[in-house]
Amino acid sequence: MSMLRKRITLGALSFSLCAGISSAVFAQSLGSPISESQLRGFDLIAPPDGSGYPEGGGTAIQGKVIFESRCSACHGMEGEGTSAATRLVGGDMQSEERPIRTVGSYWPHASTLFDYVQRAMPADAPKSLSSSEVYQVIAYILNMNGIIEASLVLNRDSLQQVQMPNKDGFIDSSQAL
């Protein structure tokens, strides 16, 4: 074997060894264990049966104030949105043109709205709304879509009673077989 070939082989072996060691050290130093109290902050599931809903509640009248200060930058003052992805009000799934998918026209369950807002909104500060503020904001969104009255107190019990316009617009794939 020539001297050049030996040096190339030795260099490649050295590089591979160093890369492997640094990857192992890097992988071991990622993250840190979390406590039970921190873990509870991730456990926010709110399924349609209501089993995951927190205490709290509020009306659309209360939600309007929160919506205007925390949501309108992206969703507009009336839920019209700043793009198709941020529009919350209106839409028609039966349209002959491309349907506009909004909370009022597309979403099958009010629990989906609760779960999404609780986990991901506002976009600049996810999970920063209290449970009561989430109920109030979604009450306002549902009211803007004509789904509930402005005076209805939305809470863990009344949320389950909300009938979304597109509740029958989806097929449960577990029942399709």
N, C-alpha and C. Protein backbone atom coordinates (compact mmCIF):
# COMPACT_ATOMS: atom_id res chain seq x y z
N MET A 1 0.84 -1.16 0.00
CA MET A 1 0.00 0.00 0.00
C MET A 1 0.90 1.23 0.00
N SER A 2 0.56 2.19 -0.81
CA SER A 2 1.38 3.39 -0.91
C SER A 2 1.19 4.27 0.33
N MET A 3 2.14 5.14 0.56
CA MET A 3 2.10 6.03 1.71
C MET A 3 0.89 6.97 1.64
N LEU A 4 0.57 7.45 0.43
CA LEU A 4 -0.57 8.34 0.24
C LEU A 4 -1.87 7.62 0.61
N ARG A 5 -2.00 6.39 0.13
CA ARG A 5 -3.19 5.60 0.40
C ARG A 5 -3.34 5.35 1.91
N LYS A 6 -2.23 5.06 2.61
CA LYS A 6 -2.26 4.84 4.06
C LYS A 6 -2.72 6.10 4.79
N ARG A 7 -2.23 7.25 4.35
CA ARG A 7 -2.62 8.51 5.00
C ARG A 7 -4.09 8.82 4.77
N ILE A 8 -4.57 8.59 3.58
CA ILE A 8 -6.00 8.82 3.29
C ILE A 8 -6.87 7.89 4.13
N THR A 9 -6.50 6.63 4.21
CA THR A 9 -7.25 5.65 5.00
C THR A 9 -7.23 6.04 6.48
N LEU A 10 -6.06 6.40 7.00
CA LEU A 10 -5.93 6.80 8.40
C LEU A 10 -6.74 8.07 8.68
N GLY A 11 -6.72 9.02 7.76
CA GLY A 11 -7.49 10.27 7.91
C GLY A 11 -8.98 10.00 7.93
N ALA A 12 -9.44 9.14 7.02
CA ALA A 12 -10.86 8.81 6.97
C ALA A 12 -11.29 8.08 8.24
N LEU A 13 -10.48 7.18 8.71
CA LEU A 13 -10.78 6.45 9.94
C LEU A 13 -10.83 7.39 11.13
N SER A 14 -9.87 8.30 11.22
CA SER A 14 -9.85 9.28 12.32
C SER A 14 -11.09 10.17 12.28
N PHE A 15 -11.44 10.64 11.09
CA PHE A 15 -12.63 11.49 10.96
C PHE A 15 -13.89 10.73 11.38
N SER A 16 -14.03 9.49 10.92
CA SER A 16 -15.21 8.68 11.27
C SER A 16 -15.30 8.46 12.77
N LEU A 17 -14.19 8.18 13.40
CA LEU A 17 -14.17 7.95 14.83
C LEU A 17 -14.57 9.22 15.58
N CYS A 18 -14.00 10.35 15.19
CA CYS A 18 -14.33 11.62 15.85
C CYS A 18 -15.81 11.97 15.65
N ALA A 19 -16.31 11.79 14.45
CA ALA A 19 -17.70 12.10 14.16
C ALA A 19 -18.63 11.21 14.98
N GLY A 20 -18.28 9.95 15.09
CA GLY A 20 -19.09 9.01 15.87
C GLY A 20 -19.11 9.36 17.34
N ILE A 21 -17.96 9.72 17.90
CA ILE A 21 -17.88 10.09 19.32
C ILE A 21 -18.65 11.38 19.58
N SER A 22 -18.48 12.38 18.71
CA SER A 22 -19.18 13.65 18.94
C SER A 22 -20.68 13.47 18.78
N SER A 23 -21.13 12.62 17.87
CA SER A 23 -22.57 12.35 17.73
C SER A 23 -23.12 11.70 18.98
N ALA A 24 -22.39 10.75 19.53
CA ALA A 24 -22.85 10.06 20.74
C ALA A 24 -22.91 11.03 21.91
N VAL A 25 -21.92 11.89 22.06
CA VAL A 25 -21.92 12.87 23.14
C VAL A 25 -23.06 13.85 22.94
N PHE A 26 -23.27 14.32 21.72
CA PHE A 26 -24.34 15.26 21.42
C PHE A 26 -25.70 14.64 21.72
N ALA A 27 -25.91 13.40 21.30
CA ALA A 27 -27.19 12.72 21.52
C ALA A 27 -27.47 12.55 23.01
N GLN A 28 -26.45 12.29 23.80
CA GLN A 28 -26.64 12.10 25.23
C GLN A 28 -26.93 13.41 25.95
N SER A 29 -26.56 14.52 25.37
CA SER A 29 -26.75 15.79 26.05
C SER A 29 -28.02 16.52 25.61
N LEU A 30 -28.81 15.94 24.73
CA LEU A 30 -30.04 16.58 24.28
C LEU A 30 -31.11 16.49 25.36
N GLY A 31 -31.78 17.58 25.61
CA GLY A 31 -32.91 17.58 26.52
C GLY A 31 -32.55 17.31 27.96
N SER A 32 -33.58 17.26 28.76
CA SER A 32 -33.43 16.93 30.17
C SER A 32 -34.74 16.32 30.65
N PRO A 33 -34.68 15.52 31.68
CA PRO A 33 -35.92 14.91 32.18
C PRO A 33 -36.91 15.99 32.63
N ILE A 34 -38.20 15.72 32.46
CA ILE A 34 -39.20 16.69 32.90
C ILE A 34 -39.95 16.13 34.11
N SER A 35 -40.48 17.03 34.89
CA SER A 35 -41.20 16.64 36.10
C SER A 35 -42.65 16.29 35.75
N GLU A 36 -43.34 15.69 36.72
CA GLU A 36 -44.76 15.36 36.53
C GLU A 36 -45.58 16.62 36.29
N SER A 37 -45.27 17.71 36.98
CA SER A 37 -46.04 18.95 36.79
C SER A 37 -45.83 19.52 35.39
N GLN A 38 -44.61 19.40 34.86
CA GLN A 38 -44.36 19.86 33.49
C GLN A 38 -45.09 18.97 32.49
N LEU A 39 -45.14 17.68 32.75
CA LEU A 39 -45.80 16.74 31.87
C LEU A 39 -47.30 17.02 31.79
N ARG A 40 -47.90 17.43 32.90
CA ARG A 40 -49.33 17.75 32.90
C ARG A 40 -49.65 18.88 31.93
N GLY A 41 -48.70 19.76 31.69
CA GLY A 41 -48.91 20.84 30.73
C GLY A 41 -49.08 20.35 29.30
N PHE A 42 -48.62 19.15 29.01
CA PHE A 42 -48.77 18.56 27.68
C PHE A 42 -50.03 17.71 27.58
N ASP A 43 -50.61 17.35 28.70
CA ASP A 43 -51.75 16.45 28.74
C ASP A 43 -53.04 17.27 28.67
N LEU A 44 -53.35 17.77 27.49
CA LEU A 44 -54.47 18.68 27.31
C LEU A 44 -55.53 18.12 26.36
N ILE A 45 -55.64 16.83 26.25
CA ILE A 45 -56.54 16.23 25.28
C ILE A 45 -57.99 16.48 25.67
N ALA A 46 -58.78 16.94 24.71
CA ALA A 46 -60.20 17.20 24.93
C ALA A 46 -61.01 16.46 23.87
N PRO A 47 -61.29 15.17 24.07
CA PRO A 47 -62.03 14.39 23.07
C PRO A 47 -63.51 14.76 23.04
N PRO A 48 -64.23 14.36 21.99
CA PRO A 48 -65.64 14.71 21.85
C PRO A 48 -66.54 14.26 23.01
N ASP A 49 -66.13 13.24 23.77
CA ASP A 49 -66.98 12.77 24.86
C ASP A 49 -66.89 13.65 26.11
N GLY A 50 -66.03 14.66 26.10
CA GLY A 50 -65.95 15.60 27.21
C GLY A 50 -65.07 15.17 28.36
N SER A 51 -64.46 14.02 28.26
CA SER A 51 -63.68 13.50 29.39
C SER A 51 -62.43 14.31 29.70
N GLY A 52 -61.95 15.10 28.78
CA GLY A 52 -60.73 15.86 29.03
C GLY A 52 -60.93 17.35 29.23
N TYR A 53 -62.18 17.79 29.31
CA TYR A 53 -62.44 19.22 29.44
C TYR A 53 -62.12 19.71 30.84
N PRO A 54 -61.45 20.85 30.94
CA PRO A 54 -61.17 21.42 32.26
C PRO A 54 -62.35 22.21 32.80
N GLU A 55 -62.25 22.60 34.06
CA GLU A 55 -63.23 23.51 34.66
C GLU A 55 -63.12 24.86 33.97
N GLY A 56 -64.10 25.70 34.15
CA GLY A 56 -64.08 27.03 33.59
C GLY A 56 -65.30 27.24 32.72
N GLY A 57 -65.41 28.39 32.13
CA GLY A 57 -66.53 28.67 31.26
C GLY A 57 -66.62 30.14 30.94
N GLY A 58 -67.53 30.47 30.04
CA GLY A 58 -67.75 31.86 29.69
C GLY A 58 -68.65 31.99 28.48
N THR A 59 -68.96 33.21 28.14
CA THR A 59 -69.87 33.52 27.04
C THR A 59 -69.14 34.16 25.87
N ALA A 60 -69.85 34.26 24.77
CA ALA A 60 -69.30 34.94 23.59
C ALA A 60 -69.07 36.41 23.87
N ILE A 61 -69.91 36.98 24.72
CA ILE A 61 -69.75 38.40 25.07
C ILE A 61 -68.39 38.61 25.74
N GLN A 62 -68.03 37.71 26.66
CA GLN A 62 -66.72 37.79 27.30
C GLN A 62 -65.60 37.47 26.31
N GLY A 63 -65.85 36.51 25.44
CA GLY A 63 -64.84 36.07 24.48
C GLY A 63 -64.48 37.12 23.45
N LYS A 64 -65.41 38.01 23.14
CA LYS A 64 -65.14 39.05 22.15
C LYS A 64 -63.97 39.93 22.58
N VAL A 65 -63.91 40.27 23.86
CA VAL A 65 -62.84 41.12 24.38
C VAL A 65 -61.48 40.42 24.21
N ILE A 66 -61.43 39.15 24.55
CA ILE A 66 -60.18 38.39 24.43
C ILE A 66 -59.81 38.22 22.97
N PHE A 67 -60.81 37.89 22.14
CA PHE A 67 -60.57 37.69 20.70
C PHE A 67 -59.96 38.95 20.09
N GLU A 68 -60.55 40.09 20.40
CA GLU A 68 -60.07 41.34 19.81
C GLU A 68 -58.64 41.66 20.21
N SER A 69 -58.25 41.30 21.44
CA SER A 69 -56.89 41.63 21.89
C SER A 69 -55.87 40.54 21.57
N ARG A 70 -56.29 39.28 21.50
CA ARG A 70 -55.32 38.19 21.35
C ARG A 70 -55.39 37.45 20.02
N CYS A 71 -56.49 37.59 19.28
CA CYS A 71 -56.70 36.76 18.08
C CYS A 71 -56.86 37.55 16.78
N SER A 72 -57.31 38.78 16.88
CA SER A 72 -57.69 39.53 15.68
C SER A 72 -56.52 39.87 14.76
N ALA A 73 -55.31 39.90 15.26
CA ALA A 73 -54.17 40.21 14.39
C ALA A 73 -54.06 39.21 13.24
N CYS A 74 -54.37 37.95 13.52
CA CYS A 74 -54.33 36.91 12.48
C CYS A 74 -55.70 36.63 11.89
N HIS A 75 -56.72 36.65 12.73
CA HIS A 75 -58.05 36.21 12.30
C HIS A 75 -58.99 37.35 11.93
N GLY A 76 -58.55 38.61 12.06
CA GLY A 76 -59.39 39.75 11.73
C GLY A 76 -60.39 40.02 12.84
N MET A 77 -60.93 41.22 12.88
CA MET A 77 -61.87 41.61 13.93
C MET A 77 -63.18 40.82 13.87
N GLU A 78 -63.56 40.36 12.70
CA GLU A 78 -64.82 39.63 12.54
C GLU A 78 -64.59 38.17 12.15
N GLY A 79 -63.38 37.67 12.33
CA GLY A 79 -63.08 36.28 11.99
C GLY A 79 -62.86 36.04 10.52
N GLU A 80 -62.73 37.13 9.74
CA GLU A 80 -62.57 37.01 8.29
C GLU A 80 -61.18 36.54 7.89
N GLY A 81 -60.22 36.64 8.80
CA GLY A 81 -58.87 36.15 8.55
C GLY A 81 -58.05 37.08 7.69
N THR A 82 -56.77 36.81 7.68
CA THR A 82 -55.85 37.54 6.81
C THR A 82 -55.41 36.67 5.64
N SER A 83 -55.85 35.41 5.65
CA SER A 83 -55.60 34.46 4.55
C SER A 83 -56.65 33.36 4.67
N ALA A 84 -56.70 32.49 3.69
CA ALA A 84 -57.66 31.38 3.75
C ALA A 84 -57.42 30.50 4.96
N ALA A 85 -56.16 30.38 5.37
CA ALA A 85 -55.81 29.52 6.50
C ALA A 85 -56.22 30.11 7.84
N THR A 86 -56.46 31.41 7.91
CA THR A 86 -56.80 32.05 9.18
C THR A 86 -58.26 32.48 9.26
N ARG A 87 -59.02 32.20 8.23
CA ARG A 87 -60.44 32.56 8.23
C ARG A 87 -61.21 31.63 9.16
N LEU A 88 -62.05 32.18 10.01
CA LEU A 88 -62.81 31.39 10.98
C LEU A 88 -64.31 31.39 10.72
N VAL A 89 -64.80 32.37 9.98
CA VAL A 89 -66.24 32.57 9.84
C VAL A 89 -66.66 32.43 8.38
N GLY A 90 -67.87 31.91 8.20
CA GLY A 90 -68.45 31.78 6.86
C GLY A 90 -68.08 30.46 6.22
N GLY A 91 -68.01 30.48 4.91
CA GLY A 91 -67.67 29.27 4.18
C GLY A 91 -68.90 28.43 3.89
N ASP A 92 -68.74 27.53 2.95
CA ASP A 92 -69.84 26.65 2.55
C ASP A 92 -69.23 25.39 1.96
N MET A 93 -69.45 24.27 2.61
CA MET A 93 -68.90 23.01 2.12
C MET A 93 -69.67 22.49 0.91
N GLN A 94 -70.84 23.03 0.64
CA GLN A 94 -71.65 22.60 -0.49
C GLN A 94 -71.45 23.47 -1.72
N SER A 95 -70.52 24.39 -1.65
CA SER A 95 -70.26 25.32 -2.74
C SER A 95 -69.86 24.58 -4.01
N GLU A 96 -70.29 25.10 -5.15
CA GLU A 96 -69.89 24.51 -6.42
C GLU A 96 -68.44 24.84 -6.74
N GLU A 97 -67.97 25.95 -6.19
CA GLU A 97 -66.56 26.30 -6.34
C GLU A 97 -65.79 25.62 -5.22
N ARG A 98 -64.51 25.89 -5.15
CA ARG A 98 -63.69 25.31 -4.09
C ARG A 98 -64.26 25.73 -2.74
N PRO A 99 -64.63 24.77 -1.88
CA PRO A 99 -65.24 25.13 -0.60
C PRO A 99 -64.28 25.90 0.31
N ILE A 100 -64.84 26.83 1.07
CA ILE A 100 -64.06 27.57 2.05
C ILE A 100 -64.26 26.87 3.38
N ARG A 101 -63.17 26.36 3.93
CA ARG A 101 -63.24 25.58 5.16
C ARG A 101 -62.99 26.48 6.37
N THR A 102 -64.01 26.65 7.15
CA THR A 102 -63.90 27.46 8.37
C THR A 102 -64.46 26.64 9.54
N VAL A 103 -64.36 27.20 10.73
CA VAL A 103 -64.93 26.54 11.90
C VAL A 103 -66.41 26.29 11.68
N GLY A 104 -67.10 27.26 11.12
CA GLY A 104 -68.54 27.15 10.95
C GLY A 104 -68.98 26.22 9.83
N SER A 105 -68.15 26.01 8.84
CA SER A 105 -68.58 25.20 7.71
C SER A 105 -67.94 23.82 7.65
N TYR A 106 -66.80 23.64 8.28
CA TYR A 106 -66.03 22.43 8.07
C TYR A 106 -65.86 21.56 9.31
N TRP A 107 -65.55 22.17 10.44
CA TRP A 107 -65.18 21.40 11.63
C TRP A 107 -66.38 20.59 12.13
N PRO A 108 -66.19 19.30 12.40
CA PRO A 108 -67.32 18.46 12.79
C PRO A 108 -67.68 18.50 14.27
N HIS A 109 -66.75 18.87 15.14
CA HIS A 109 -67.00 18.86 16.58
C HIS A 109 -66.49 20.14 17.22
N ALA A 110 -67.26 20.68 18.14
CA ALA A 110 -66.81 21.86 18.89
C ALA A 110 -65.61 21.50 19.77
N SER A 111 -65.51 20.23 20.16
CA SER A 111 -64.36 19.81 20.98
C SER A 111 -63.05 19.96 20.22
N THR A 112 -63.10 19.83 18.90
CA THR A 112 -61.90 20.01 18.08
C THR A 112 -61.42 21.46 18.19
N LEU A 113 -62.36 22.38 18.14
CA LEU A 113 -62.03 23.80 18.28
C LEU A 113 -61.45 24.07 19.67
N PHE A 114 -62.09 23.53 20.70
CA PHE A 114 -61.57 23.72 22.07
C PHE A 114 -60.15 23.18 22.17
N ASP A 115 -59.95 21.96 21.72
CA ASP A 115 -58.64 21.31 21.81
C ASP A 115 -57.57 22.11 21.08
N TYR A 116 -57.89 22.56 19.88
CA TYR A 116 -56.92 23.30 19.07
C TYR A 116 -56.55 24.64 19.71
N VAL A 117 -57.56 25.39 20.14
CA VAL A 117 -57.29 26.69 20.75
C VAL A 117 -56.51 26.51 22.05
N GLN A 118 -56.89 25.51 22.84
CA GLN A 118 -56.21 25.26 24.11
C GLN A 118 -54.73 24.93 23.90
N ARG A 119 -54.42 24.16 22.88
CA ARG A 119 -53.04 23.72 22.64
C ARG A 119 -52.19 24.72 21.86
N ALA A 120 -52.78 25.38 20.87
CA ALA A 120 -51.97 26.07 19.87
C ALA A 120 -52.19 27.57 19.74
N MET A 121 -53.14 28.13 20.44
CA MET A 121 -53.44 29.54 20.24
C MET A 121 -53.22 30.33 21.53
N PRO A 122 -52.98 31.61 21.39
CA PRO A 122 -52.67 32.33 20.16
C PRO A 122 -51.32 31.88 19.59
N ALA A 123 -51.16 32.06 18.31
CA ALA A 123 -49.97 31.53 17.62
C ALA A 123 -48.67 32.09 18.20
N ASP A 124 -48.70 33.30 18.71
CA ASP A 124 -47.48 33.89 19.25
C ASP A 124 -47.24 33.53 20.73
N ALA A 125 -48.21 32.82 21.34
CA ALA A 125 -48.06 32.43 22.74
C ALA A 125 -48.95 31.22 23.04
N PRO A 126 -48.68 30.07 22.42
CA PRO A 126 -49.53 28.89 22.63
C PRO A 126 -49.65 28.53 24.11
N LYS A 127 -50.82 28.02 24.47
CA LYS A 127 -51.14 27.57 25.83
C LYS A 127 -51.12 28.69 26.86
N SER A 128 -51.22 29.94 26.41
CA SER A 128 -51.18 31.06 27.35
C SER A 128 -52.57 31.48 27.83
N LEU A 129 -53.62 30.96 27.21
CA LEU A 129 -54.98 31.30 27.64
C LEU A 129 -55.40 30.37 28.78
N SER A 130 -56.10 30.92 29.76
CA SER A 130 -56.65 30.08 30.82
C SER A 130 -57.79 29.25 30.23
N SER A 131 -58.23 28.24 30.95
CA SER A 131 -59.34 27.41 30.47
C SER A 131 -60.59 28.26 30.25
N SER A 132 -60.88 29.17 31.17
CA SER A 132 -62.05 30.03 31.00
C SER A 132 -61.91 30.91 29.76
N GLU A 133 -60.71 31.43 29.51
CA GLU A 133 -60.50 32.24 28.31
C GLU A 133 -60.69 31.42 27.04
N VAL A 134 -60.27 30.16 27.06
CA VAL A 134 -60.48 29.29 25.89
C VAL A 134 -61.97 29.10 25.66
N TYR A 135 -62.73 28.79 26.71
CA TYR A 135 -64.19 28.65 26.56
C TYR A 135 -64.79 29.93 26.02
N GLN A 136 -64.36 31.08 26.51
CA GLN A 136 -64.91 32.36 26.08
C GLN A 136 -64.59 32.65 24.62
N VAL A 137 -63.35 32.42 24.21
CA VAL A 137 -62.95 32.68 22.83
C VAL A 137 -63.70 31.75 21.87
N ILE A 138 -63.81 30.48 22.21
CA ILE A 138 -64.52 29.59 21.27
C ILE A 138 -66.01 29.87 21.28
N ALA A 139 -66.55 30.34 22.41
CA ALA A 139 -67.95 30.77 22.42
C ALA A 139 -68.14 31.90 21.43
N TYR A 140 -67.21 32.84 21.41
CA TYR A 140 -67.29 33.96 20.48
C TYR A 140 -67.18 33.49 19.03
N ILE A 141 -66.26 32.58 18.75
CA ILE A 141 -66.09 32.06 17.39
C ILE A 141 -67.36 31.31 16.96
N LEU A 142 -67.89 30.49 17.84
CA LEU A 142 -69.13 29.75 17.52
C LEU A 142 -70.29 30.71 17.32
N ASN A 143 -70.35 31.77 18.11
CA ASN A 143 -71.40 32.77 17.97
C ASN A 143 -71.28 33.53 16.65
N MET A 144 -70.06 33.90 16.27
CA MET A 144 -69.86 34.59 14.99
C MET A 144 -70.33 33.73 13.82
N ASN A 145 -70.29 32.41 13.99
CA ASN A 145 -70.74 31.50 12.94
C ASN A 145 -72.22 31.15 13.07
N GLY A 146 -72.91 31.77 14.02
CA GLY A 146 -74.35 31.54 14.20
C GLY A 146 -74.67 30.17 14.80
N ILE A 147 -73.73 29.55 15.48
CA ILE A 147 -73.93 28.20 16.02
C ILE A 147 -74.49 28.24 17.44
N ILE A 148 -74.09 29.23 18.24
CA ILE A 148 -74.63 29.38 19.58
C ILE A 148 -75.04 30.83 19.82
N GLU A 149 -75.87 31.05 20.82
CA GLU A 149 -76.29 32.39 21.21
C GLU A 149 -75.16 33.06 22.00
N ALA A 150 -75.09 34.38 21.94
CA ALA A 150 -74.04 35.13 22.63
C ALA A 150 -74.11 34.98 24.14
N SER A 151 -75.29 34.72 24.68
CA SER A 151 -75.45 34.63 26.14
C SER A 151 -75.24 33.22 26.70
N LEU A 152 -75.09 32.23 25.84
CA LEU A 152 -74.88 30.86 26.32
C LEU A 152 -73.55 30.76 27.07
N VAL A 153 -73.60 30.20 28.28
CA VAL A 153 -72.37 29.96 29.03
C VAL A 153 -71.79 28.65 28.52
N LEU A 154 -70.66 28.74 27.86
CA LEU A 154 -69.99 27.56 27.33
C LEU A 154 -69.05 27.02 28.41
N ASN A 155 -69.21 25.74 28.74
CA ASN A 155 -68.37 25.09 29.73
C ASN A 155 -68.26 23.61 29.37
N ARG A 156 -67.69 22.82 30.26
CA ARG A 156 -67.45 21.40 29.94
C ARG A 156 -68.74 20.65 29.63
N ASP A 157 -69.87 21.07 30.20
CA ASP A 157 -71.15 20.39 29.94
C ASP A 157 -71.81 20.91 28.67
N SER A 158 -71.90 22.23 28.54
CA SER A 158 -72.60 22.79 27.37
C SER A 158 -71.82 22.60 26.08
N LEU A 159 -70.50 22.51 26.16
CA LEU A 159 -69.69 22.30 24.95
C LEU A 159 -70.06 20.99 24.26
N GLN A 160 -70.36 19.98 25.03
CA GLN A 160 -70.73 18.68 24.45
C GLN A 160 -72.07 18.73 23.72
N GLN A 161 -72.89 19.71 24.05
CA GLN A 161 -74.22 19.83 23.44
C GLN A 161 -74.21 20.62 22.14
N VAL A 162 -73.10 21.28 21.83
CA VAL A 162 -73.02 22.10 20.61
C VAL A 162 -73.08 21.20 19.38
N GLN A 163 -73.98 21.52 18.47
CA GLN A 163 -74.13 20.78 17.22
C GLN A 163 -73.50 21.58 16.08
N MET A 164 -72.42 21.07 15.55
CA MET A 164 -71.73 21.75 14.46
C MET A 164 -72.44 21.45 13.14
N PRO A 165 -72.49 22.43 12.23
CA PRO A 165 -73.19 22.23 10.94
C PRO A 165 -72.65 21.07 10.11
N ASN A 166 -71.38 20.76 10.22
CA ASN A 166 -70.78 19.70 9.40
C ASN A 166 -70.51 18.42 10.22
N LYS A 167 -71.31 18.21 11.27
CA LYS A 167 -71.07 17.06 12.15
C LYS A 167 -71.20 15.73 11.42
N ASP A 168 -71.98 15.68 10.37
CA ASP A 168 -72.15 14.43 9.62
C ASP A 168 -71.34 14.42 8.32
N GLY A 169 -70.43 15.37 8.17
CA GLY A 169 -69.67 15.50 6.93
C GLY A 169 -68.41 14.65 6.86
N PHE A 170 -68.16 13.85 7.88
CA PHE A 170 -66.97 13.01 7.90
C PHE A 170 -67.37 11.55 8.08
N ILE A 171 -66.53 10.67 7.59
CA ILE A 171 -66.78 9.24 7.74
C ILE A 171 -65.81 8.71 8.78
N ASP A 172 -66.34 8.01 9.76
CA ASP A 172 -65.50 7.38 10.78
C ASP A 172 -64.87 6.15 10.14
N SER A 173 -63.58 6.22 9.84
CA SER A 173 -62.91 5.13 9.13
C SER A 173 -62.92 3.84 9.93
N SER A 174 -63.05 3.92 11.25
CA SER A 174 -63.10 2.68 12.03
C SER A 174 -64.42 1.95 11.81
N GLN A 175 -65.43 2.67 11.33
CA GLN A 175 -66.75 2.07 11.08
C GLN A 175 -66.95 1.71 9.61
N ALA A 176 -66.01 2.09 8.75
CA ALA A 176 -66.17 1.92 7.31
C ALA A 176 -65.99 0.49 6.83
N LEU A 177 -65.35 -0.35 7.60
CA LEU A 177 -65.08 -1.71 7.12
C LEU A 177 -66.21 -2.63 7.33
